[in-house]
Amino acid sequence: MSTTRLDLPEIVQYQAQKEVTHNQALWMLDCLVMASVIDRATTPPANPSDGDAYLVTATATDDWAGHEDEIAHYFSNAWHYYSPGEGWQVYVQDEDGWYVYDGASWVAKDVTQPAGNDKSIQFNDNGSFAGSDDLTWDNTNKRLALTGNFKISADGKIIWEDASAADAYLSEMRVTGDLYPRYRLRADGQIELGSGAAAPDCELKRRDTDILNTPDRLEVGSLGVSNSEAGNTPGNVVKKIEVFDDAGNSLGYLAVYDSIS
């Protein structure tokens, strides 16, 4: 007879060599309580040591053949196998990640804490852990960093760092259903805007100290400014634009014509 959850062997009345059954149960507890395995593998190691444990994956070979999804545990010069129950959790040392048995297979947990780092969270990638710290708290600067480039400071500031090139896109924004971004910010400070139905078609950038530049039409209220074709004959003056210096003194007017040819 054995226990329900861990299948530990029970000592029966008048049993000979009770210590054998008792010791076997201790070895099983040593493996399954706070379960931790060296790796997930298909082939047993050449020279295992007592206490070594692995998650057996498909397609298993040699001594592990036919034991897929079981925990292989080596002691007393032999491999012993434990069939998992739904909800069992195992830590895989070589991946620094946790796996849960869902009743059919071992599944990587969505997040885990990398070994040796009490300020990081790691997300699984296609069913396993890549080994990098995906989300890290920078206690010195009081910032939350995502993969090193995107950070949120303790006072709520959003920070982008380490862009690979001046024309790299630091961020973009879309509305659900958009085919293209409505807003993009480049590492050189240029802002690109669009409708979301097509690639962004408006640009605004810092050209020099205190100078903003756009190659597109710029409107202020009902007044629009853009590049025009060269011509010599102006039409009628329809508006005047007054220009001021930094002190607020009028420098004069610019005439706005309705045509030029």
C-alpha atoms as a PDB file:
ATOM      1  CA  MET A   1       0.000   0.000   0.000  1.00  0.00           C
ATOM      2  CA  SER A   2       1.071   3.596  -0.519  1.00  0.00           C
ATOM      3  CA  THR A   3      -0.039   7.134   0.282  1.00  0.00           C
ATOM      4  CA  THR A   4      -2.502   8.968  -1.957  1.00  0.00           C
ATOM      5  CA  ARG A   5      -0.581  12.092  -2.980  1.00  0.00           C
ATOM      6  CA  LEU A   6       3.114  11.185  -3.171  1.00  0.00           C
ATOM      7  CA  ASP A   7       2.716   7.410  -3.477  1.00  0.00           C
ATOM      8  CA  LEU A   8       5.007   6.849  -0.485  1.00  0.00           C
ATOM      9  CA  PRO A   9       5.275   3.150   0.480  1.00  0.00           C
ATOM     10  CA  GLU A  10       3.663   2.143   3.759  1.00  0.00           C
ATOM     11  CA  ILE A  11       5.073  -0.288   6.265  1.00  0.00           C
ATOM     12  CA  VAL A  12       2.680  -3.192   6.768  1.00  0.00           C
ATOM     13  CA  GLN A  13       2.191  -5.262   9.891  1.00  0.00           C
ATOM     14  CA  TYR A  14       4.804  -7.976  10.485  1.00  0.00           C
ATOM     15  CA  GLN A  15       6.814  -6.749   7.457  1.00  0.00           C
ATOM     16  CA  ALA A  16      10.407  -7.920   7.239  1.00  0.00           C
ATOM     17  CA  GLN A  17      13.157  -5.365   6.569  1.00  0.00           C
ATOM     18  CA  LYS A  18      10.972  -2.410   7.497  1.00  0.00           C
ATOM     19  CA  GLU A  19      13.985  -0.128   7.181  1.00  0.00           C
ATOM     20  CA  VAL A  20      14.049  -0.685   3.400  1.00  0.00           C
ATOM     21  CA  THR A  21      10.507   0.631   2.966  1.00  0.00           C
ATOM     22  CA  HIS A  22      11.114   3.439   5.429  1.00  0.00           C
ATOM     23  CA  ASN A  23      14.339   4.558   3.750  1.00  0.00           C
ATOM     24  CA  GLN A  24      12.726   4.460   0.312  1.00  0.00           C
ATOM     25  CA  ALA A  25       9.993   6.798   1.549  1.00  0.00           C
ATOM     26  CA  LEU A  26      12.624   9.165   2.968  1.00  0.00           C
ATOM     27  CA  TRP A  27      14.419   9.307  -0.391  1.00  0.00           C
ATOM     28  CA  MET A  28      11.129  10.059  -2.145  1.00  0.00           C
ATOM     29  CA  LEU A  29      10.356  12.846   0.326  1.00  0.00           C
ATOM     30  CA  ASP A  30      13.864  14.227  -0.132  1.00  0.00           C
ATOM     31  CA  CYS A  31      13.193  14.547  -3.869  1.00  0.00           C
ATOM     32  CA  LEU A  32       9.554  15.617  -3.969  1.00  0.00           C
ATOM     33  CA  VAL A  33       9.256  18.027  -1.032  1.00  0.00           C
ATOM     34  CA  MET A  34      10.531  21.454  -2.180  1.00  0.00           C
ATOM     35  CA  ALA A  35      11.105  19.717  -5.518  1.00  0.00           C
ATOM     36  CA  SER A  36      14.126  20.875  -7.526  1.00  0.00           C
ATOM     37  CA  VAL A  37      15.618  19.118 -10.549  1.00  0.00           C
ATOM     38  CA  ILE A  38      18.905  19.729 -12.348  1.00  0.00           C
ATOM     39  CA  ASP A  39      17.420  20.045 -15.830  1.00  0.00           C
ATOM     40  CA  ARG A  40      14.819  18.826 -18.314  1.00  0.00           C
ATOM     41  CA  ALA A  41      16.365  16.125 -20.493  1.00  0.00           C
ATOM     42  CA  THR A  42      15.704  13.092 -22.693  1.00  0.00           C
ATOM     43  CA  THR A  43      18.849  11.099 -21.872  1.00  0.00           C
ATOM     44  CA  PRO A  44      20.220  10.190 -18.409  1.00  0.00           C
ATOM     45  CA  PRO A  45      23.657  11.542 -17.477  1.00  0.00           C
ATOM     46  CA  ALA A  46      26.607   9.212 -17.758  1.00  0.00           C
ATOM     47  CA  ASN A  47      27.720   9.476 -14.124  1.00  0.00           C
ATOM     48  CA  PRO A  48      24.831  10.479 -11.856  1.00  0.00           C
ATOM     49  CA  SER A  49      25.223  11.031  -8.140  1.00  0.00           C
ATOM     50  CA  ASP A  50      22.866  10.020  -5.371  1.00  0.00           C
ATOM     51  CA  GLY A  51      20.079  12.602  -5.161  1.00  0.00           C
ATOM     52  CA  ASP A  52      20.284  13.801  -8.771  1.00  0.00           C
ATOM     53  CA  ALA A  53      16.843  14.465 -10.244  1.00  0.00           C
ATOM     54  CA  TYR A  54      15.622  15.409 -13.725  1.00  0.00           C
ATOM     55  CA  LEU A  55      12.361  16.087 -15.546  1.00  0.00           C
ATOM     56  CA  VAL A  56      12.179  13.511 -18.317  1.00  0.00           C
ATOM     57  CA  THR A  57      11.078  14.972 -21.671  1.00  0.00           C
ATOM     58  CA  ALA A  58      10.117  13.382 -24.978  1.00  0.00           C
ATOM     59  CA  THR A  59      11.452  11.316 -26.529  1.00  0.00           C
ATOM     60  CA  ALA A  60      13.298   9.660 -23.651  1.00  0.00           C
ATOM     61  CA  THR A  61      16.074   7.158 -24.314  1.00  0.00           C
ATOM     62  CA  ASP A  62      18.179   4.548 -22.497  1.00  0.00           C
ATOM     63  CA  ASP A  63      17.084   3.942 -18.889  1.00  0.00           C
ATOM     64  CA  TRP A  64      14.549   6.763 -19.147  1.00  0.00           C
ATOM     65  CA  ALA A  65      12.689   5.334 -22.164  1.00  0.00           C
ATOM     66  CA  GLY A  66       8.941   5.311 -21.535  1.00  0.00           C
ATOM     67  CA  HIS A  67       9.156   7.687 -18.559  1.00  0.00           C
ATOM     68  CA  GLU A  68       8.323  10.977 -20.289  1.00  0.00           C
ATOM     69  CA  ASP A  69       6.929  13.688 -17.944  1.00  0.00           C
ATOM     70  CA  GLU A  70       8.060  11.737 -14.885  1.00  0.00           C
ATOM     71  CA  ILE A  71      10.659  12.871 -12.369  1.00  0.00           C
ATOM     72  CA  ALA A  72      13.743  10.671 -12.618  1.00  0.00           C
ATOM     73  CA  HIS A  73      15.543  10.385  -9.241  1.00  0.00           C
ATOM     74  CA  TYR A  74      18.853   8.582  -8.788  1.00  0.00           C
ATOM     75  CA  PHE A  75      19.779   6.804  -5.555  1.00  0.00           C
ATOM     76  CA  SER A  76      21.052   3.378  -4.441  1.00  0.00           C
ATOM     77  CA  ASN A  77      22.695   2.837  -7.856  1.00  0.00           C
ATOM     78  CA  ALA A  78      19.409   3.004  -9.768  1.00  0.00           C
ATOM     79  CA  TRP A  79      16.916   5.430 -11.304  1.00  0.00           C
ATOM     80  CA  HIS A  80      13.534   5.769  -9.617  1.00  0.00           C
ATOM     81  CA  TYR A  81      10.552   7.439 -11.281  1.00  0.00           C
ATOM     82  CA  TYR A  82       7.704   9.505  -9.871  1.00  0.00           C
ATOM     83  CA  SER A  83       4.567  10.217 -11.883  1.00  0.00           C
ATOM     84  CA  PRO A  84       3.374  13.782 -11.218  1.00  0.00           C
ATOM     85  CA  GLY A  85      -0.095  14.772 -10.138  1.00  0.00           C
ATOM     86  CA  GLU A  86      -1.954  17.849 -11.336  1.00  0.00           C
ATOM     87  CA  GLY A  87      -0.627  20.944  -9.585  1.00  0.00           C
ATOM     88  CA  TRP A  88       2.879  19.625  -8.816  1.00  0.00           C
ATOM     89  CA  GLN A  89       5.570  22.296  -9.087  1.00  0.00           C
ATOM     90  CA  VAL A  90       9.257  21.743  -9.821  1.00  0.00           C
ATOM     91  CA  TYR A  91      12.149  24.205  -9.984  1.00  0.00           C
ATOM     92  CA  VAL A  92      14.524  23.576 -12.937  1.00  0.00           C
ATOM     93  CA  GLN A  93      17.979  24.719 -11.881  1.00  0.00           C
ATOM     94  CA  ASP A  94      19.577  25.041 -15.335  1.00  0.00           C
ATOM     95  CA  GLU A  95      16.745  27.340 -16.473  1.00  0.00           C
ATOM     96  CA  ASP A  96      16.209  29.246 -13.215  1.00  0.00           C
ATOM     97  CA  GLY A  97      12.498  28.683 -13.712  1.00  0.00           C
ATOM     98  CA  TRP A  98       9.447  26.941 -12.268  1.00  0.00           C
ATOM     99  CA  TYR A  99       7.286  24.351 -14.036  1.00  0.00           C
ATOM    100  CA  VAL A 100       3.777  23.213 -13.125  1.00  0.00           C
ATOM    101  CA  TYR A 101       2.143  19.929 -14.134  1.00  0.00           C
ATOM    102  CA  ASP A 102      -1.328  20.731 -15.517  1.00  0.00           C
ATOM    103  CA  GLY A 103      -2.545  17.147 -15.608  1.00  0.00           C
ATOM    104  CA  ALA A 104      -1.211  16.487 -19.119  1.00  0.00           C
ATOM    105  CA  SER A 105       2.261  18.068 -19.345  1.00  0.00           C
ATOM    106  CA  TRP A 106       4.773  20.282 -17.571  1.00  0.00           C
ATOM    107  CA  VAL A 107       4.161  23.953 -18.328  1.00  0.00           C
ATOM    108  CA  ALA A 108       6.520  26.848 -17.618  1.00  0.00           C
ATOM    109  CA  LYS A 109       5.015  29.299 -15.163  1.00  0.00           C
ATOM    110  CA  ASP A 110       4.341  32.734 -16.657  1.00  0.00           C
ATOM    111  CA  VAL A 111       6.867  34.459 -14.411  1.00  0.00           C
ATOM    112  CA  THR A 112       9.644  33.399 -12.089  1.00  0.00           C
ATOM    113  CA  GLN A 113      12.373  34.964 -10.001  1.00  0.00           C
ATOM    114  CA  PRO A 114      15.881  34.283 -11.361  1.00  0.00           C
ATOM    115  CA  ALA A 115      18.226  32.566  -8.954  1.00  0.00           C
ATOM    116  CA  GLY A 116      20.377  34.857  -6.839  1.00  0.00           C
ATOM    117  CA  ASN A 117      18.472  38.030  -7.708  1.00  0.00           C
ATOM    118  CA  ASP A 118      15.852  39.274  -5.258  1.00  0.00           C
ATOM    119  CA  LYS A 119      14.849  42.285  -7.402  1.00  0.00           C
ATOM    120  CA  SER A 120      14.086  40.668 -10.784  1.00  0.00           C
ATOM    121  CA  ILE A 121      11.250  38.868 -12.510  1.00  0.00           C
ATOM    122  CA  GLN A 122      11.714  36.661 -15.573  1.00  0.00           C
ATOM    123  CA  PHE A 123       9.000  35.698 -18.093  1.00  0.00           C
ATOM    124  CA  ASN A 124       8.918  32.406 -19.954  1.00  0.00           C
ATOM    125  CA  ASP A 125       9.612  32.379 -23.689  1.00  0.00           C
ATOM    126  CA  ASN A 126       7.811  29.691 -25.709  1.00  0.00           C
ATOM    127  CA  GLY A 127       7.474  27.351 -22.776  1.00  0.00           C
ATOM    128  CA  SER A 128      10.894  27.856 -21.163  1.00  0.00           C
ATOM    129  CA  PHE A 129      12.979  30.583 -19.571  1.00  0.00           C
ATOM    130  CA  ALA A 130      15.622  32.408 -21.592  1.00  0.00           C
ATOM    131  CA  GLY A 131      17.762  33.147 -18.558  1.00  0.00           C
ATOM    132  CA  SER A 132      17.608  36.958 -18.681  1.00  0.00           C
ATOM    133  CA  ASP A 133      16.142  39.328 -16.106  1.00  0.00           C
ATOM    134  CA  ASP A 134      13.139  40.807 -17.926  1.00  0.00           C
ATOM    135  CA  LEU A 135      11.861  43.100 -15.172  1.00  0.00           C
ATOM    136  CA  THR A 136      14.284  44.554 -12.625  1.00  0.00           C
ATOM    137  CA  TRP A 137      14.027  47.049  -9.774  1.00  0.00           C
ATOM    138  CA  ASP A 138      16.965  49.506  -9.750  1.00  0.00           C
ATOM    139  CA  ASN A 139      17.100  50.351  -6.063  1.00  0.00           C
ATOM    140  CA  THR A 140      19.932  52.898  -6.433  1.00  0.00           C
ATOM    141  CA  ASN A 141      17.983  55.113  -8.859  1.00  0.00           C
ATOM    142  CA  LYS A 142      14.535  53.974  -7.651  1.00  0.00           C
ATOM    143  CA  ARG A 143      13.494  52.831 -11.134  1.00  0.00           C
ATOM    144  CA  LEU A 144      11.691  49.844 -12.598  1.00  0.00           C
ATOM    145  CA  ALA A 145      13.500  48.631 -15.735  1.00  0.00           C
ATOM    146  CA  LEU A 146      12.036  46.438 -18.471  1.00  0.00           C
ATOM    147  CA  THR A 147      14.761  44.592 -20.457  1.00  0.00           C
ATOM    148  CA  GLY A 148      17.177  47.404 -19.628  1.00  0.00           C
ATOM    149  CA  ASN A 149      15.807  50.063 -22.022  1.00  0.00           C
ATOM    150  CA  PHE A 150      12.406  51.034 -20.682  1.00  0.00           C
ATOM    151  CA  LYS A 151      12.302  52.385 -17.157  1.00  0.00           C
ATOM    152  CA  ILE A 152       9.702  53.882 -14.835  1.00  0.00           C
ATOM    153  CA  SER A 153      11.152  56.052 -12.096  1.00  0.00           C
ATOM    154  CA  ALA A 154       9.851  56.190  -8.533  1.00  0.00           C
ATOM    155  CA  ASP A 155       8.196  59.584  -9.232  1.00  0.00           C
ATOM    156  CA  GLY A 156       6.382  58.240 -12.320  1.00  0.00           C
ATOM    157  CA  LYS A 157       8.706  59.436 -15.095  1.00  0.00           C
ATOM    158  CA  ILE A 158       8.962  57.207 -18.180  1.00  0.00           C
ATOM    159  CA  ILE A 159      12.556  56.839 -19.379  1.00  0.00           C
ATOM    160  CA  TRP A 160      13.982  55.236 -22.533  1.00  0.00           C
ATOM    161  CA  GLU A 161      17.680  54.454 -22.646  1.00  0.00           C
ATOM    162  CA  ASP A 162      20.284  52.673 -24.760  1.00  0.00           C
ATOM    163  CA  ALA A 163      18.686  53.080 -28.186  1.00  0.00           C
ATOM    164  CA  SER A 164      20.888  51.353 -30.742  1.00  0.00           C
ATOM    165  CA  ALA A 165      20.768  54.156 -33.345  1.00  0.00           C
ATOM    166  CA  ALA A 166      19.629  57.750 -33.718  1.00  0.00           C
ATOM    167  CA  ASP A 167      16.765  56.732 -36.003  1.00  0.00           C
ATOM    168  CA  ALA A 168      15.585  53.915 -33.721  1.00  0.00           C
ATOM    169  CA  TYR A 169      11.971  54.182 -32.562  1.00  0.00           C
ATOM    170  CA  LEU A 170      11.700  54.587 -28.807  1.00  0.00           C
ATOM    171  CA  SER A 171       7.927  54.351 -28.659  1.00  0.00           C
ATOM    172  CA  GLU A 172       4.782  54.262 -30.724  1.00  0.00           C
ATOM    173  CA  MET A 173       1.074  54.467 -30.005  1.00  0.00           C
ATOM    174  CA  ARG A 174      -1.883  52.925 -31.805  1.00  0.00           C
ATOM    175  CA  VAL A 175      -5.630  52.693 -31.361  1.00  0.00           C
ATOM    176  CA  THR A 176      -7.149  49.226 -31.471  1.00  0.00           C
ATOM    177  CA  GLY A 177      -7.620  48.281 -35.124  1.00  0.00           C
ATOM    178  CA  ASP A 178      -4.965  50.633 -36.499  1.00  0.00           C
ATOM    179  CA  LEU A 179      -2.691  49.212 -39.191  1.00  0.00           C
ATOM    180  CA  TYR A 180       0.035  51.754 -38.487  1.00  0.00           C
ATOM    181  CA  PRO A 181       1.087  53.854 -35.485  1.00  0.00           C
ATOM    182  CA  ARG A 182      -0.541  57.258 -34.968  1.00  0.00           C
ATOM    183  CA  TYR A 183       2.451  58.507 -33.006  1.00  0.00           C
ATOM    184  CA  ARG A 184       6.138  57.520 -33.078  1.00  0.00           C
ATOM    185  CA  LEU A 185       9.095  58.980 -31.166  1.00  0.00           C
ATOM    186  CA  ARG A 186      12.588  58.462 -32.555  1.00  0.00           C
ATOM    187  CA  ALA A 187      15.816  58.453 -30.569  1.00  0.00           C
ATOM    188  CA  ASP A 188      16.926  61.675 -32.311  1.00  0.00           C
ATOM    189  CA  GLY A 189      13.839  63.454 -30.927  1.00  0.00           C
ATOM    190  CA  GLN A 190      11.819  63.481 -34.157  1.00  0.00           C
ATOM    191  CA  ILE A 191       8.086  62.943 -33.769  1.00  0.00           C
ATOM    192  CA  GLU A 192       6.083  61.240 -36.528  1.00  0.00           C
ATOM    193  CA  LEU A 193       2.294  61.445 -36.702  1.00  0.00           C
ATOM    194  CA  GLY A 194      -0.278  59.675 -38.830  1.00  0.00           C
ATOM    195  CA  SER A 195      -3.893  58.605 -39.120  1.00  0.00           C
ATOM    196  CA  GLY A 196      -3.353  54.955 -38.213  1.00  0.00           C
ATOM    197  CA  ALA A 197      -4.641  53.836 -41.613  1.00  0.00           C
ATOM    198  CA  ALA A 198      -1.310  54.482 -43.351  1.00  0.00           C
ATOM    199  CA  ALA A 199       2.318  55.042 -42.399  1.00  0.00           C
ATOM    200  CA  PRO A 200       2.923  58.294 -40.456  1.00  0.00           C
ATOM    201  CA  ASP A 201       3.089  61.234 -42.904  1.00  0.00           C
ATOM    202  CA  CYS A 202       3.814  64.233 -40.645  1.00  0.00           C
ATOM    203  CA  GLU A 203       7.149  65.016 -38.997  1.00  0.00           C
ATOM    204  CA  LEU A 204       8.253  67.479 -36.351  1.00  0.00           C
ATOM    205  CA  LYS A 205      11.829  67.662 -35.131  1.00  0.00           C
ATOM    206  CA  ARG A 206      14.349  69.874 -33.357  1.00  0.00           C
ATOM    207  CA  ARG A 207      16.653  71.301 -36.048  1.00  0.00           C
ATOM    208  CA  ASP A 208      18.855  73.398 -33.785  1.00  0.00           C
ATOM    209  CA  THR A 209      18.810  75.324 -30.505  1.00  0.00           C
ATOM    210  CA  ASP A 210      15.277  76.717 -29.981  1.00  0.00           C
ATOM    211  CA  ILE A 211      14.299  75.764 -33.564  1.00  0.00           C
ATOM    212  CA  LEU A 212      11.536  73.323 -34.495  1.00  0.00           C
ATOM    213  CA  ASN A 213      11.315  72.161 -38.089  1.00  0.00           C
ATOM    214  CA  THR A 214       8.755  70.328 -40.182  1.00  0.00           C
ATOM    215  CA  PRO A 215       8.828  69.554 -43.911  1.00  0.00           C
ATOM    216  CA  ASP A 216       5.024  69.501 -43.850  1.00  0.00           C
ATOM    217  CA  ARG A 217       2.310  72.175 -43.709  1.00  0.00           C
ATOM    218  CA  LEU A 218       2.046  73.777 -40.253  1.00  0.00           C
ATOM    219  CA  GLU A 219      -1.201  75.415 -39.148  1.00  0.00           C
ATOM    220  CA  VAL A 220      -1.834  77.791 -36.255  1.00  0.00           C
ATOM    221  CA  GLY A 221      -5.568  78.264 -35.898  1.00  0.00           C
ATOM    222  CA  SER A 222      -6.832  78.994 -39.433  1.00  0.00           C
ATOM    223  CA  LEU A 223      -3.376  80.039 -40.653  1.00  0.00           C
ATOM    224  CA  GLY A 224      -1.254  77.498 -42.462  1.00  0.00           C
ATOM    225  CA  VAL A 225       2.434  77.682 -43.370  1.00  0.00           C
ATOM    226  CA  SER A 226       4.179  75.416 -45.885  1.00  0.00           C
ATOM    227  CA  ASN A 227       6.706  75.440 -48.713  1.00  0.00           C
ATOM    228  CA  SER A 228       5.354  77.052 -51.904  1.00  0.00           C
ATOM    229  CA  GLU A 229       6.363  77.112 -55.533  1.00  0.00           C
ATOM    230  CA  ALA A 230       8.657  79.930 -56.670  1.00  0.00           C
ATOM    231  CA  GLY A 231       6.975  82.912 -58.310  1.00  0.00           C
ATOM    232  CA  ASN A 232       7.401  86.643 -58.971  1.00  0.00           C
ATOM    233  CA  THR A 233       3.878  88.065 -59.127  1.00  0.00           C
ATOM    234  CA  PRO A 234       1.966  88.184 -55.822  1.00  0.00           C
ATOM    235  CA  GLY A 235      -1.802  88.311 -55.654  1.00  0.00           C
ATOM    236  CA  ASN A 236      -3.931  90.170 -53.137  1.00  0.00           C
ATOM    237  CA  VAL A 237      -2.880  90.634 -49.507  1.00  0.00           C
ATOM    238  CA  VAL A 238      -5.419  88.725 -47.421  1.00  0.00           C
ATOM    239  CA  LYS A 239      -3.677  88.667 -44.015  1.00  0.00           C
ATOM    240  CA  LYS A 240      -0.859  90.348 -42.129  1.00  0.00           C
ATOM    241  CA  ILE A 241       1.344  88.518 -39.618  1.00  0.00           C
ATOM    242  CA  GLU A 242       2.907  90.741 -36.982  1.00  0.00           C
ATOM    243  CA  VAL A 243       6.368  89.684 -35.777  1.00  0.00           C
ATOM    244  CA  PHE A 244       7.673  90.514 -32.284  1.00  0.00           C
ATOM    245  CA  ASP A 245      11.111  90.351 -30.669  1.00  0.00           C
ATOM    246  CA  ASP A 246      11.846  88.657 -27.318  1.00  0.00           C
ATOM    247  CA  ALA A 247      10.881  91.848 -25.440  1.00  0.00           C
ATOM    248  CA  GLY A 248       7.508  92.011 -27.146  1.00  0.00           C
ATOM    249  CA  ASN A 249       8.357  94.906 -29.457  1.00  0.00           C
ATOM    250  CA  SER A 250       6.806  94.829 -32.905  1.00  0.00           C
ATOM    251  CA  LEU A 251       9.317  94.218 -35.673  1.00  0.00           C
ATOM    252  CA  GLY A 252       6.833  94.715 -38.477  1.00  0.00           C
ATOM    253  CA  TYR A 253       4.498  92.631 -40.614  1.00  0.00           C
ATOM    254  CA  LEU A 254       4.623  89.794 -43.076  1.00  0.00           C
ATOM    255  CA  ALA A 255       2.144  89.957 -45.906  1.00  0.00           C
ATOM    256  CA  VAL A 256       0.045  86.914 -46.755  1.00  0.00           C
ATOM    257  CA  TYR A 257      -1.042  86.787 -50.409  1.00  0.00           C
ATOM    258  CA  ASP A 258      -3.879  84.755 -51.842  1.00  0.00           C
ATOM    259  CA  SER A 259      -1.695  83.640 -54.760  1.00  0.00           C
ATOM    260  CA  ILE A 260       1.730  83.892 -56.353  1.00  0.00           C
ATOM    261  CA  SER A 261       2.636  83.229 -59.962  1.00  0.00           C
END
